C-alpha atoms as a PDB file:
ATOM      1  CA  UNK A   1     -15.711  38.972   1.836  1.00  0.00           C
ATOM      2  CA  UNK A   2     -13.705  40.505  -0.977  1.00  0.00           C
ATOM      3  CA  UNK A   3     -10.174  41.616  -0.880  1.00  0.00           C
ATOM      4  CA  UNK A   4     -11.457  45.178  -0.987  1.00  0.00           C
ATOM      5  CA  UNK A   5     -13.338  44.713   2.291  1.00  0.00           C
ATOM      6  CA  UNK A   6     -10.600  42.863   4.123  1.00  0.00           C
ATOM      7  CA  UNK A   7      -9.046  44.678   7.124  1.00  0.00           C
ATOM      8  CA  UNK A   8      -5.374  45.676   6.209  1.00  0.00           C
ATOM      9  CA  UNK A   9      -2.758  44.539   8.752  1.00  0.00           C
ATOM     10  CA  UNK A  10       0.854  45.804   8.739  1.00  0.00           C
ATOM     11  CA  UNK A  11       3.527  43.699  10.387  1.00  0.00           C
ATOM     12  CA  UNK A  12       6.399  45.729  11.751  1.00  0.00           C
ATOM     13  CA  UNK A  13       9.750  43.751  12.307  1.00  0.00           C
ATOM     14  CA  UNK A  14      13.039  44.766  13.589  1.00  0.00           C
ATOM     15  CA  UNK A  15      15.552  44.047  16.518  1.00  0.00           C
ATOM     16  CA  UNK A  16      15.069  45.519  19.900  1.00  0.00           C
ATOM     17  CA  UNK A  17      15.939  49.263  19.862  1.00  0.00           C
ATOM     18  CA  UNK A  18      15.704  49.675  16.163  1.00  0.00           C
ATOM     19  CA  UNK A  19      12.717  52.137  16.552  1.00  0.00           C
ATOM     20  CA  UNK A  20       9.752  49.941  16.043  1.00  0.00           C
ATOM     21  CA  UNK A  21       7.856  51.590  18.961  1.00  0.00           C
ATOM     22  CA  UNK A  22       8.839  55.058  17.685  1.00  0.00           C
ATOM     23  CA  UNK A  23       7.331  54.236  14.335  1.00  0.00           C
ATOM     24  CA  UNK A  24       4.214  52.826  15.955  1.00  0.00           C
ATOM     25  CA  UNK A  25       3.863  56.236  17.950  1.00  0.00           C
ATOM     26  CA  UNK A  26       4.193  57.937  14.728  1.00  0.00           C
ATOM     27  CA  UNK A  27       1.440  55.983  13.086  1.00  0.00           C
ATOM     28  CA  UNK A  28      -0.958  56.312  15.953  1.00  0.00           C
ATOM     29  CA  UNK A  29      -0.193  60.308  16.135  1.00  0.00           C
ATOM     30  CA  UNK A  30      -1.032  60.607  12.408  1.00  0.00           C
ATOM     31  CA  UNK A  31      -3.958  57.997  12.064  1.00  0.00           C
ATOM     32  CA  UNK A  32      -6.163  60.744  10.393  1.00  0.00           C
ATOM     33  CA  UNK A  33      -9.382  59.241  11.566  1.00  0.00           C
ATOM     34  CA  UNK A  34      -8.408  55.661  10.991  1.00  0.00           C
ATOM     35  CA  UNK A  35      -9.331  53.257  13.956  1.00  0.00           C
ATOM     36  CA  UNK A  36      -6.003  51.537  14.518  1.00  0.00           C
ATOM     37  CA  UNK A  37      -5.952  48.338  16.609  1.00  0.00           C
ATOM     38  CA  UNK A  38      -2.401  47.466  17.757  1.00  0.00           C
ATOM     39  CA  UNK A  39      -1.102  44.016  18.622  1.00  0.00           C
ATOM     40  CA  UNK A  40       2.436  44.405  20.607  1.00  0.00           C
ATOM     41  CA  UNK A  41       4.788  41.501  20.898  1.00  0.00           C
ATOM     42  CA  UNK A  42       7.940  43.393  21.612  1.00  0.00           C
ATOM     43  CA  UNK A  43       8.023  42.827  25.414  1.00  0.00           C
ATOM     44  CA  UNK A  44      11.098  44.567  27.027  1.00  0.00           C
ATOM     45  CA  UNK A  45      10.554  47.510  24.719  1.00  0.00           C
ATOM     46  CA  UNK A  46       6.988  48.474  25.416  1.00  0.00           C
ATOM     47  CA  UNK A  47       6.522  52.141  25.392  1.00  0.00           C
ATOM     48  CA  UNK A  48       2.926  52.337  23.870  1.00  0.00           C
ATOM     49  CA  UNK A  49       0.001  53.057  26.282  1.00  0.00           C
ATOM     50  CA  UNK A  50      -3.217  54.936  26.655  1.00  0.00           C
ATOM     51  CA  UNK A  51      -1.373  58.299  26.466  1.00  0.00           C
ATOM     52  CA  UNK A  52       0.015  57.383  22.912  1.00  0.00           C
ATOM     53  CA  UNK A  53      -3.544  56.658  21.747  1.00  0.00           C
ATOM     54  CA  UNK A  54      -4.589  60.179  22.309  1.00  0.00           C
ATOM     55  CA  UNK A  55      -2.871  61.048  18.961  1.00  0.00           C
ATOM     56  CA  UNK A  56      -5.631  59.287  17.054  1.00  0.00           C
ATOM     57  CA  UNK A  57      -8.472  60.790  18.766  1.00  0.00           C
ATOM     58  CA  UNK A  58     -10.847  59.239  21.547  1.00  0.00           C
ATOM     59  CA  UNK A  59     -13.463  58.468  18.784  1.00  0.00           C
ATOM     60  CA  UNK A  60     -11.248  56.227  16.717  1.00  0.00           C
ATOM     61  CA  UNK A  61      -8.759  54.752  19.188  1.00  0.00           C
ATOM     62  CA  UNK A  62      -9.143  53.584  22.760  1.00  0.00           C
ATOM     63  CA  UNK A  63      -7.308  51.422  25.430  1.00  0.00           C
ATOM     64  CA  UNK A  64      -9.317  48.336  24.162  1.00  0.00           C
ATOM     65  CA  UNK A  65      -7.552  48.533  20.772  1.00  0.00           C
ATOM     66  CA  UNK A  66      -4.128  47.730  22.250  1.00  0.00           C
ATOM     67  CA  UNK A  67      -3.360  43.951  22.835  1.00  0.00           C
ATOM     68  CA  UNK A  68      -0.094  43.001  24.484  1.00  0.00           C
ATOM     69  CA  UNK A  69       1.213  39.544  23.777  1.00  0.00           C
ATOM     70  CA  UNK A  70       3.949  39.333  26.347  1.00  0.00           C
ATOM     71  CA  UNK A  71       4.114  35.355  26.624  1.00  0.00           C
ATOM     72  CA  UNK A  72       6.899  34.961  24.168  1.00  0.00           C
ATOM     73  CA  UNK A  73       7.884  35.341  20.581  1.00  0.00           C
ATOM     74  CA  UNK A  74       4.691  35.874  18.542  1.00  0.00           C
ATOM     75  CA  UNK A  75       6.010  33.305  15.651  1.00  0.00           C
ATOM     76  CA  UNK A  76       6.332  30.545  18.349  1.00  0.00           C
ATOM     77  CA  UNK A  77       2.875  31.182  19.713  1.00  0.00           C
ATOM     78  CA  UNK A  78       0.699  31.687  16.613  1.00  0.00           C
ATOM     79  CA  UNK A  79      -1.904  29.126  17.427  1.00  0.00           C
ATOM     80  CA  UNK A  80      -1.931  29.709  21.129  1.00  0.00           C
ATOM     81  CA  UNK A  81      -2.128  33.514  21.054  1.00  0.00           C
ATOM     82  CA  UNK A  82      -2.127  35.390  17.863  1.00  0.00           C
ATOM     83  CA  UNK A  83      -4.925  33.674  16.060  1.00  0.00           C
ATOM     84  CA  UNK A  84      -7.481  33.819  19.028  1.00  0.00           C
ATOM     85  CA  UNK A  85      -6.447  37.643  19.437  1.00  0.00           C
ATOM     86  CA  UNK A  86      -6.844  38.554  15.616  1.00  0.00           C
ATOM     87  CA  UNK A  87     -10.032  36.594  15.632  1.00  0.00           C
ATOM     88  CA  UNK A  88     -11.414  38.700  18.527  1.00  0.00           C
ATOM     89  CA  UNK A  89     -10.551  41.839  16.765  1.00  0.00           C
ATOM     90  CA  UNK A  90     -12.148  41.178  13.512  1.00  0.00           C
ATOM     91  CA  UNK A  91     -15.378  39.660  15.118  1.00  0.00           C
ATOM     92  CA  UNK A  92     -15.961  42.941  17.084  1.00  0.00           C
ATOM     93  CA  UNK A  93     -18.814  45.307  16.236  1.00  0.00           C
ATOM     94  CA  UNK A  94     -16.550  48.115  16.120  1.00  0.00           C
ATOM     95  CA  UNK A  95     -13.939  46.523  13.805  1.00  0.00           C
ATOM     96  CA  UNK A  96     -10.653  48.361  13.267  1.00  0.00           C
ATOM     97  CA  UNK A  97      -9.865  50.105   9.997  1.00  0.00           C
ATOM     98  CA  UNK A  98      -6.263  48.878  10.307  1.00  0.00           C
ATOM     99  CA  UNK A  99      -4.278  46.545  12.400  1.00  0.00           C
ATOM    100  CA  UNK A 100      -0.619  47.111  13.389  1.00  0.00           C
ATOM    101  CA  UNK A 101       1.409  44.367  14.632  1.00  0.00           C
ATOM    102  CA  UNK A 102       4.726  45.066  16.298  1.00  0.00           C
ATOM    103  CA  UNK A 103       6.651  41.820  16.500  1.00  0.00           C
ATOM    104  CA  UNK A 104       9.392  40.813  18.992  1.00  0.00           C
ATOM    105  CA  UNK A 105      12.863  41.502  17.549  1.00  0.00           C
ATOM    106  CA  UNK A 106      13.400  37.718  17.738  1.00  0.00           C
ATOM    107  CA  UNK A 107      10.391  36.752  15.668  1.00  0.00           C
ATOM    108  CA  UNK A 108      10.640  35.151  12.312  1.00  0.00           C
ATOM    109  CA  UNK A 109       8.201  37.089  10.113  1.00  0.00           C
ATOM    110  CA  UNK A 110       7.383  34.379   7.686  1.00  0.00           C
ATOM    111  CA  UNK A 111       5.374  32.117  10.161  1.00  0.00           C
ATOM    112  CA  UNK A 112       3.291  35.043  11.045  1.00  0.00           C
ATOM    113  CA  UNK A 113       2.396  36.090   7.480  1.00  0.00           C
ATOM    114  CA  UNK A 114       1.599  32.431   6.801  1.00  0.00           C
ATOM    115  CA  UNK A 115      -0.777  32.570   9.667  1.00  0.00           C
ATOM    116  CA  UNK A 116      -2.988  34.954   7.754  1.00  0.00           C
ATOM    117  CA  UNK A 117      -4.043  31.993   5.617  1.00  0.00           C
ATOM    118  CA  UNK A 118      -5.677  30.216   8.634  1.00  0.00           C
ATOM    119  CA  UNK A 119      -9.524  29.727   7.945  1.00  0.00           C
ATOM    120  CA  UNK A 120     -10.489  31.908  10.913  1.00  0.00           C
ATOM    121  CA  UNK A 121      -8.894  35.032   9.475  1.00  0.00           C
ATOM    122  CA  UNK A 122      -8.038  34.603   5.822  1.00  0.00           C
ATOM    123  CA  UNK A 123     -11.555  35.961   4.632  1.00  0.00           C
ATOM    124  CA  UNK A 124     -11.444  38.873   6.853  1.00  0.00           C
ATOM    125  CA  UNK A 125      -7.826  40.340   7.125  1.00  0.00           C
ATOM    126  CA  UNK A 126      -5.046  40.667   4.577  1.00  0.00           C
ATOM    127  CA  UNK A 127      -1.259  41.619   5.128  1.00  0.00           C
ATOM    128  CA  UNK A 128      -1.025  45.043   3.811  1.00  0.00           C
ATOM    129  CA  UNK A 129       2.793  44.947   4.122  1.00  0.00           C
ATOM    130  CA  UNK A 130       5.658  43.751   6.142  1.00  0.00           C
ATOM    131  CA  UNK A 131       7.875  46.736   7.296  1.00  0.00           C
ATOM    132  CA  UNK A 132      11.236  46.054   8.603  1.00  0.00           C
ATOM    133  CA  UNK A 133      12.980  48.644  10.776  1.00  0.00           C
ATOM    134  CA  UNK A 134      16.894  48.593  10.768  1.00  0.00           C
ATOM    135  CA  UNK A 135      19.213  50.607  13.047  1.00  0.00           C
ATOM    136  CA  UNK A 136      21.547  52.699  10.641  1.00  0.00           C
ATOM    137  CA  UNK A 137      24.049  53.472  13.075  1.00  0.00           C
ATOM    138  CA  UNK A 138      24.272  49.994  14.600  1.00  0.00           C
ATOM    139  CA  UNK A 139      24.516  48.432  10.961  1.00  0.00           C
ATOM    140  CA  UNK A 140      27.144  51.059  10.112  1.00  0.00           C
ATOM    141  CA  UNK A 141      29.255  49.897  13.055  1.00  0.00           C
ATOM    142  CA  UNK A 142      29.088  46.282  11.795  1.00  0.00           C
ATOM    143  CA  UNK A 143      26.475  45.205  14.295  1.00  0.00           C
ATOM    144  CA  UNK A 144      22.659  44.244  13.668  1.00  0.00           C
ATOM    145  CA  UNK A 145      21.293  46.138  16.695  1.00  0.00           C
ATOM    146  CA  UNK A 146      22.647  48.738  19.244  1.00  0.00           C
ATOM    147  CA  UNK A 147      22.460  46.713  22.249  1.00  0.00           C
ATOM    148  CA  UNK A 148      23.439  43.127  21.807  1.00  0.00           C
ATOM    149  CA  UNK A 149      23.252  42.412  25.572  1.00  0.00           C
ATOM    150  CA  UNK A 150      19.646  43.525  25.684  1.00  0.00           C
ATOM    151  CA  UNK A 151      18.836  41.119  22.865  1.00  0.00           C
ATOM    152  CA  UNK A 152      20.481  38.349  24.428  1.00  0.00           C
ATOM    153  CA  UNK A 153      18.856  38.952  27.695  1.00  0.00           C
ATOM    154  CA  UNK A 154      15.446  38.939  25.808  1.00  0.00           C
ATOM    155  CA  UNK A 155      16.219  35.698  24.116  1.00  0.00           C
ATOM    156  CA  UNK A 156      17.087  34.054  27.585  1.00  0.00           C
ATOM    157  CA  UNK A 157      13.817  35.573  28.981  1.00  0.00           C
ATOM    158  CA  UNK A 158      11.631  33.938  26.378  1.00  0.00           C
ATOM    159  CA  UNK A 159      10.821  30.348  27.646  1.00  0.00           C
ATOM    160  CA  UNK A 160       8.500  29.918  24.459  1.00  0.00           C
ATOM    161  CA  UNK A 161      11.318  30.514  21.925  1.00  0.00           C
ATOM    162  CA  UNK A 162      11.639  27.531  20.028  1.00  0.00           C
ATOM    163  CA  UNK A 163      14.275  28.672  17.476  1.00  0.00           C
ATOM    164  CA  UNK A 164      17.790  29.556  18.032  1.00  0.00           C
ATOM    165  CA  UNK A 165      18.379  31.441  14.861  1.00  0.00           C
ATOM    166  CA  UNK A 166      21.622  33.513  14.969  1.00  0.00           C
ATOM    167  CA  UNK A 167      21.145  37.218  14.557  1.00  0.00           C
ATOM    168  CA  UNK A 168      22.420  37.450  11.229  1.00  0.00           C
ATOM    169  CA  UNK A 169      19.841  34.868   9.988  1.00  0.00           C
ATOM    170  CA  UNK A 170      16.957  36.617  11.734  1.00  0.00           C
ATOM    171  CA  UNK A 171      18.030  39.762  10.012  1.00  0.00           C
ATOM    172  CA  UNK A 172      18.221  38.047   6.795  1.00  0.00           C
ATOM    173  CA  UNK A 173      14.556  36.583   7.376  1.00  0.00           C
ATOM    174  CA  UNK A 174      13.373  40.121   8.234  1.00  0.00           C
ATOM    175  CA  UNK A 175      14.647  41.584   5.188  1.00  0.00           C
ATOM    176  CA  UNK A 176      13.540  38.866   2.857  1.00  0.00           C
ATOM    177  CA  UNK A 177      10.090  39.097   4.142  1.00  0.00           C
ATOM    178  CA  UNK A 178       9.876  42.822   3.943  1.00  0.00           C
ATOM    179  CA  UNK A 179       7.825  45.111   1.444  1.00  0.00           C
ATOM    180  CA  UNK A 180       9.481  47.991   2.844  1.00  0.00           C
ATOM    181  CA  UNK A 181      12.703  48.487   4.704  1.00  0.00           C
ATOM    182  CA  UNK A 182      13.083  51.708   7.002  1.00  0.00           C
ATOM    183  CA  UNK A 183      16.737  52.783   7.569  1.00  0.00           C
ATOM    184  CA  UNK A 184      16.062  54.394  10.825  1.00  0.00           C
ATOM    185  CA  UNK A 185      18.155  56.768  12.827  1.00  0.00           C
ATOM    186  CA  UNK A 186      19.613  57.983   9.457  1.00  0.00           C
ATOM    187  CA  UNK A 187      20.317  61.334  10.921  1.00  0.00           C
ATOM    188  CA  UNK A 188      22.932  59.697  13.110  1.00  0.00           C
ATOM    189  CA  UNK A 189      25.208  58.809  10.163  1.00  0.00           C
ATOM    190  CA  UNK A 190      26.792  60.965   7.322  1.00  0.00           C
ATOM    191  CA  UNK A 191      25.505  60.938   3.868  1.00  0.00           C
ATOM    192  CA  UNK A 192      28.291  58.697   2.520  1.00  0.00           C
ATOM    193  CA  UNK A 193      27.745  56.063   5.113  1.00  0.00           C
ATOM    194  CA  UNK A 194      24.044  55.993   4.394  1.00  0.00           C
ATOM    195  CA  UNK A 195      24.825  55.667   0.712  1.00  0.00           C
ATOM    196  CA  UNK A 196      26.973  52.644   1.399  1.00  0.00           C
ATOM    197  CA  UNK A 197      24.612  51.108   3.811  1.00  0.00           C
ATOM    198  CA  UNK A 198      21.754  51.470   1.316  1.00  0.00           C
ATOM    199  CA  UNK A 199      23.896  49.841  -1.475  1.00  0.00           C
ATOM    200  CA  UNK A 200      24.636  46.865   0.717  1.00  0.00           C
ATOM    201  CA  UNK A 201      20.949  46.403   1.996  1.00  0.00           C
ATOM    202  CA  UNK A 202      19.756  46.586  -1.580  1.00  0.00           C
ATOM    203  CA  UNK A 203      21.685  43.260  -2.151  1.00  0.00           C
ATOM    204  CA  UNK A 204      19.613  41.621   0.556  1.00  0.00           C
ATOM    205  CA  UNK A 205      16.020  42.616   0.121  1.00  0.00           C
ATOM    206  CA  UNK A 206      13.094  41.304  -1.876  1.00  0.00           C
ATOM    207  CA  UNK A 207      13.002  42.739  -5.554  1.00  0.00           C
ATOM    208  CA  UNK A 208      11.116  46.047  -5.686  1.00  0.00           C
ATOM    209  CA  UNK A 209      11.049  46.604  -1.838  1.00  0.00           C
ATOM    210  CA  UNK A 210      11.919  50.359  -1.211  1.00  0.00           C
ATOM    211  CA  UNK A 211      14.548  51.450   1.345  1.00  0.00           C
ATOM    212  CA  UNK A 212      13.481  54.533   3.015  1.00  0.00           C
ATOM    213  CA  UNK A 213      15.738  56.605   5.279  1.00  0.00           C
ATOM    214  CA  UNK A 214      13.881  57.753   8.502  1.00  0.00           C
ATOM    215  CA  UNK A 215      14.457  60.044  11.236  1.00  0.00           C
ATOM    216  CA  UNK A 216      12.537  59.035  14.632  1.00  0.00           C
ATOM    217  CA  UNK A 217      10.417  56.529  12.592  1.00  0.00           C
ATOM    218  CA  UNK A 218       8.802  59.445  10.630  1.00  0.00           C
ATOM    219  CA  UNK A 219       7.361  58.962   7.121  1.00  0.00           C
ATOM    220  CA  UNK A 220       4.315  59.398   5.170  1.00  0.00           C
ATOM    221  CA  UNK A 221       1.631  57.353   6.656  1.00  0.00           C
ATOM    222  CA  UNK A 222      -0.278  56.961   3.501  1.00  0.00           C
ATOM    223  CA  UNK A 223       2.670  55.238   1.960  1.00  0.00           C
ATOM    224  CA  UNK A 224       3.485  53.258   4.966  1.00  0.00           C
ATOM    225  CA  UNK A 225      -0.167  51.835   5.370  1.00  0.00           C
ATOM    226  CA  UNK A 226      -1.204  51.537   1.669  1.00  0.00           C
ATOM    227  CA  UNK A 227       1.302  49.051   0.324  1.00  0.00           C
ATOM    228  CA  UNK A 228      -1.529  46.620  -0.553  1.00  0.00           C
ATOM    229  CA  UNK A 229       0.882  43.630  -0.878  1.00  0.00           C
ATOM    230  CA  UNK A 230      -1.280  40.749   0.165  1.00  0.00           C
ATOM    231  CA  UNK A 231       1.681  39.194   1.487  1.00  0.00           C
ATOM    232  CA  UNK A 232       0.043  35.958   2.582  1.00  0.00           C
ATOM    233  CA  UNK A 233      -0.503  35.304  -1.046  1.00  0.00           C
ATOM    234  CA  UNK A 234       2.966  35.981  -1.823  1.00  0.00           C
ATOM    235  CA  UNK A 235       4.859  33.497   0.406  1.00  0.00           C
ATOM    236  CA  UNK A 236       7.261  32.143  -2.387  1.00  0.00           C
ATOM    237  CA  UNK A 237       9.167  35.401  -2.553  1.00  0.00           C
ATOM    238  CA  UNK A 238       9.355  35.547   1.323  1.00  0.00           C
ATOM    239  CA  UNK A 239      11.280  32.422   2.082  1.00  0.00           C
ATOM    240  CA  UNK A 240      13.272  32.221   5.273  1.00  0.00           C
ATOM    241  CA  UNK A 241      16.927  31.341   5.747  1.00  0.00           C
ATOM    242  CA  UNK A 242      15.924  27.720   6.599  1.00  0.00           C
ATOM    243  CA  UNK A 243      13.491  27.230   3.722  1.00  0.00           C
ATOM    244  CA  UNK A 244      15.994  28.699   1.173  1.00  0.00           C
ATOM    245  CA  UNK A 245      18.461  25.907   2.700  1.00  0.00           C
ATOM    246  CA  UNK A 246      16.003  23.146   2.419  1.00  0.00           C
ATOM    247  CA  UNK A 247      15.073  23.248   6.136  1.00  0.00           C
ATOM    248  CA  UNK A 248      12.098  24.148   8.103  1.00  0.00           C
ATOM    249  CA  UNK A 249      12.259  24.046  11.763  1.00  0.00           C
ATOM    250  CA  UNK A 250       9.440  26.596  12.066  1.00  0.00           C
ATOM    251  CA  UNK A 251       6.592  25.010  10.077  1.00  0.00           C
ATOM    252  CA  UNK A 252       3.280  26.763  10.653  1.00  0.00           C
ATOM    253  CA  UNK A 253       1.811  26.312   7.221  1.00  0.00           C
ATOM    254  CA  UNK A 254       0.304  23.312   5.259  1.00  0.00           C
ATOM    255  CA  UNK A 255      -2.598  23.136   7.662  1.00  0.00           C
ATOM    256  CA  UNK A 256      -5.957  21.438   7.028  1.00  0.00           C
ATOM    257  CA  UNK A 257      -9.471  22.261   8.473  1.00  0.00           C
ATOM    258  CA  UNK A 258     -12.497  20.058   8.415  1.00  0.00           C
ATOM    259  CA  UNK A 259     -15.914  19.875  10.429  1.00  0.00           C
ATOM    260  CA  UNK A 260     -17.142  16.790  12.356  1.00  0.00           C
ATOM    261  CA  UNK A 261     -20.839  16.545  13.131  1.00  0.00           C
ATOM    262  CA  UNK A 262     -22.005  13.891  15.410  1.00  0.00           C
ATOM    263  CA  UNK A 263     -25.016  13.205  17.638  1.00  0.00           C
ATOM    264  CA  UNK A 264     -25.515  14.116  21.220  1.00  0.00           C
ATOM    265  CA  UNK A 265     -22.693  13.122  23.731  1.00  0.00           C
ATOM    266  CA  UNK A 266     -23.563  11.096  26.739  1.00  0.00           C
ATOM    267  CA  UNK A 267     -21.092  12.738  29.157  1.00  0.00           C
ATOM    268  CA  UNK A 268     -19.123  16.144  29.148  1.00  0.00           C
ATOM    269  CA  UNK A 269     -15.917  14.670  30.709  1.00  0.00           C
ATOM    270  CA  UNK A 270     -16.018  11.631  28.342  1.00  0.00           C
ATOM    271  CA  UNK A 271     -15.931  14.020  25.367  1.00  0.00           C
ATOM    272  CA  UNK A 272     -13.257  16.296  26.909  1.00  0.00           C
ATOM    273  CA  UNK A 273     -11.062  13.096  27.574  1.00  0.00           C
ATOM    274  CA  UNK A 274     -11.676  11.810  24.139  1.00  0.00           C
ATOM    275  CA  UNK A 275     -10.558  15.257  22.592  1.00  0.00           C
ATOM    276  CA  UNK A 276      -7.443  15.235  24.887  1.00  0.00           C
ATOM    277  CA  UNK A 277      -6.602  11.810  23.622  1.00  0.00           C
ATOM    278  CA  UNK A 278      -6.962  12.832  19.836  1.00  0.00           C
ATOM    279  CA  UNK A 279      -4.913  16.013  20.469  1.00  0.00           C
ATOM    280  CA  UNK A 280      -2.212  13.768  22.037  1.00  0.00           C
ATOM    281  CA  UNK A 281      -2.094  11.380  19.212  1.00  0.00           C
ATOM    282  CA  UNK A 282      -2.738  13.653  16.014  1.00  0.00           C
ATOM    283  CA  UNK A 283      -1.303  16.844  14.728  1.00  0.00           C
ATOM    284  CA  UNK A 284      -4.166  18.879  15.747  1.00  0.00           C
ATOM    285  CA  UNK A 285      -3.689  22.746  16.421  1.00  0.00           C
ATOM    286  CA  UNK A 286      -7.135  23.729  17.293  1.00  0.00           C
ATOM    287  CA  UNK A 287     -10.601  22.427  17.966  1.00  0.00           C
ATOM    288  CA  UNK A 288     -13.628  24.704  18.336  1.00  0.00           C
ATOM    289  CA  UNK A 289     -17.390  24.215  18.165  1.00  0.00           C
ATOM    290  CA  UNK A 290     -20.519  23.286  20.308  1.00  0.00           C
ATOM    291  CA  UNK A 291     -21.385  19.942  21.866  1.00  0.00           C
ATOM    292  CA  UNK A 292     -24.824  18.683  22.797  1.00  0.00           C
ATOM    293  CA  UNK A 293     -24.580  16.974  26.260  1.00  0.00           C
ATOM    294  CA  UNK A 294     -27.435  14.289  26.884  1.00  0.00           C
ATOM    295  CA  UNK A 295     -29.832  15.713  29.697  1.00  0.00           C
ATOM    296  CA  UNK A 296     -28.335  19.497  29.415  1.00  0.00           C
ATOM    297  CA  UNK A 297     -30.759  22.049  28.084  1.00  0.00           C
ATOM    298  CA  UNK A 298     -27.613  24.207  27.022  1.00  0.00           C
ATOM    299  CA  UNK A 299     -25.199  23.844  24.441  1.00  0.00           C
ATOM    300  CA  UNK A 300     -21.511  23.237  25.404  1.00  0.00           C
ATOM    301  CA  UNK A 301     -18.847  25.546  23.977  1.00  0.00           C
ATOM    302  CA  UNK A 302     -15.561  23.803  23.209  1.00  0.00           C
ATOM    303  CA  UNK A 303     -12.272  25.458  22.514  1.00  0.00           C
ATOM    304  CA  UNK A 304      -8.953  23.742  22.491  1.00  0.00           C
ATOM    305  CA  UNK A 305      -5.549  25.235  21.503  1.00  0.00           C
ATOM    306  CA  UNK A 306      -2.759  22.796  21.708  1.00  0.00           C
ATOM    307  CA  UNK A 307      -3.230  20.646  24.804  1.00  0.00           C
ATOM    308  CA  UNK A 308      -5.367  23.326  26.610  1.00  0.00           C
ATOM    309  CA  UNK A 309      -9.120  22.722  26.478  1.00  0.00           C
ATOM    310  CA  UNK A 310     -11.694  25.047  27.640  1.00  0.00           C
ATOM    311  CA  UNK A 311     -15.557  24.360  27.762  1.00  0.00           C
ATOM    312  CA  UNK A 312     -18.518  26.134  29.140  1.00  0.00           C
ATOM    313  CA  UNK A 313     -22.350  26.118  28.700  1.00  0.00           C
ATOM    314  CA  UNK A 314     -23.264  29.196  26.887  1.00  0.00           C
ATOM    315  CA  UNK A 315     -27.004  29.141  25.931  1.00  0.00           C
ATOM    316  CA  UNK A 316     -30.000  26.979  25.734  1.00  0.00           C
ATOM    317  CA  UNK A 317     -30.768  25.343  22.405  1.00  0.00           C
ATOM    318  CA  UNK A 318     -33.268  26.642  20.303  1.00  0.00           C
ATOM    319  CA  UNK A 319     -36.375  24.731  19.705  1.00  0.00           C
ATOM    320  CA  UNK A 320     -35.733  24.760  15.826  1.00  0.00           C
ATOM    321  CA  UNK A 321     -32.045  24.018  16.356  1.00  0.00           C
ATOM    322  CA  UNK A 322     -31.010  20.376  15.819  1.00  0.00           C
ATOM    323  CA  UNK A 323     -29.192  19.094  18.931  1.00  0.00           C
ATOM    324  CA  UNK A 324     -25.902  17.798  17.623  1.00  0.00           C
ATOM    325  CA  UNK A 325     -22.208  18.107  18.302  1.00  0.00           C
ATOM    326  CA  UNK A 326     -20.356  20.044  15.640  1.00  0.00           C
ATOM    327  CA  UNK A 327     -16.595  20.603  15.903  1.00  0.00           C
ATOM    328  CA  UNK A 328     -13.994  22.145  13.622  1.00  0.00           C
ATOM    329  CA  UNK A 329     -10.548  20.642  13.675  1.00  0.00           C
ATOM    330  CA  UNK A 330      -7.524  22.430  12.446  1.00  0.00           C
ATOM    331  CA  UNK A 331      -4.246  20.472  12.017  1.00  0.00           C
ATOM    332  CA  UNK A 332      -1.196  20.064  10.060  1.00  0.00           C
ATOM    333  CA  UNK A 333      -1.015  18.631   6.580  1.00  0.00           C
ATOM    334  CA  UNK A 334      -1.266  14.758   6.770  1.00  0.00           C
ATOM    335  CA  UNK A 335      -3.507  14.666   9.703  1.00  0.00           C
ATOM    336  CA  UNK A 336      -5.652  11.314   9.746  1.00  0.00           C
ATOM    337  CA  UNK A 337      -9.004  12.736   9.191  1.00  0.00           C
ATOM    338  CA  UNK A 338     -10.586   9.524   8.806  1.00  0.00           C
ATOM    339  CA  UNK A 339      -9.367   8.183  12.276  1.00  0.00           C
ATOM    340  CA  UNK A 340     -10.358  11.356  13.941  1.00  0.00           C
ATOM    341  CA  UNK A 341     -13.933  11.124  12.737  1.00  0.00           C
ATOM    342  CA  UNK A 342     -14.048   7.527  13.627  1.00  0.00           C
ATOM    343  CA  UNK A 343     -12.778   8.024  17.168  1.00  0.00           C
ATOM    344  CA  UNK A 344     -15.166  10.947  17.773  1.00  0.00           C
ATOM    345  CA  UNK A 345     -18.241   9.229  16.370  1.00  0.00           C
ATOM    346  CA  UNK A 346     -17.319   6.199  18.547  1.00  0.00           C
END
């Protein structure tokens, strides 16, 4: 699939209350015939539902196009939740024209951008742009967000959160990854304050990223959804605070993938136990594929994300189809491929 045929995705970042959901509502209300799929991770600020989708028409958007990821910060659950969801969207018969991802305000955008290089989605989706929404009156008052208590409550409620980045570091990361920064609620500050705020933000953002004052998240949709940044191919200019400091406590890149083909497996439980041991001893992120079980006329579907392994028989083997076990392994760089192949073959 060429870059021209890839589905564009827009990642919207910003702290709770900055106006991300208002911006999403504006996008959906002005979709102009585009079929928009929406992935929402901002639990605690969910205001998008079936009523909102009426703005882009029944023929182009419906409730099936909204997916809510409410199990924690999206950048901490990339392999567990985001990859399966985005894969399901792009393999549908009625693929969306554009994907909007509203992140949690606590999310680091860089790991999410990196995830678009995963084998399952890299050939089908590209990051059209990362858009950061900032709260103008809050920034003018010396805060990163209007309601810091609500953000702290959100942080404490997220059991999956695996980074304790201070707000100033999160804000820095959101700006450094952005292709466009929306200074929202600009109507609530005076012109001079807006000018000073714009000058301050220009020192923090990526070179060439525009700063756009907005009111109620309203702006030209064609400009917002037509950035064509291919951000996943431009990671060097989007480094996080920890990467710039020589740290990386949130490493989701440097992955490898390979396929393992072996003969029939004598016992289903034996195979699953073997896979469980492999996951426990190696840096395996995902396992997917089919297995041939001796004595069974049907193939066994195997899906493993982290320590969770799901399996089920889906259909009988075709007469012209070789009965073999074929598994795709996705893991972190440095994974012992030779040992994994040996253990599966044994």
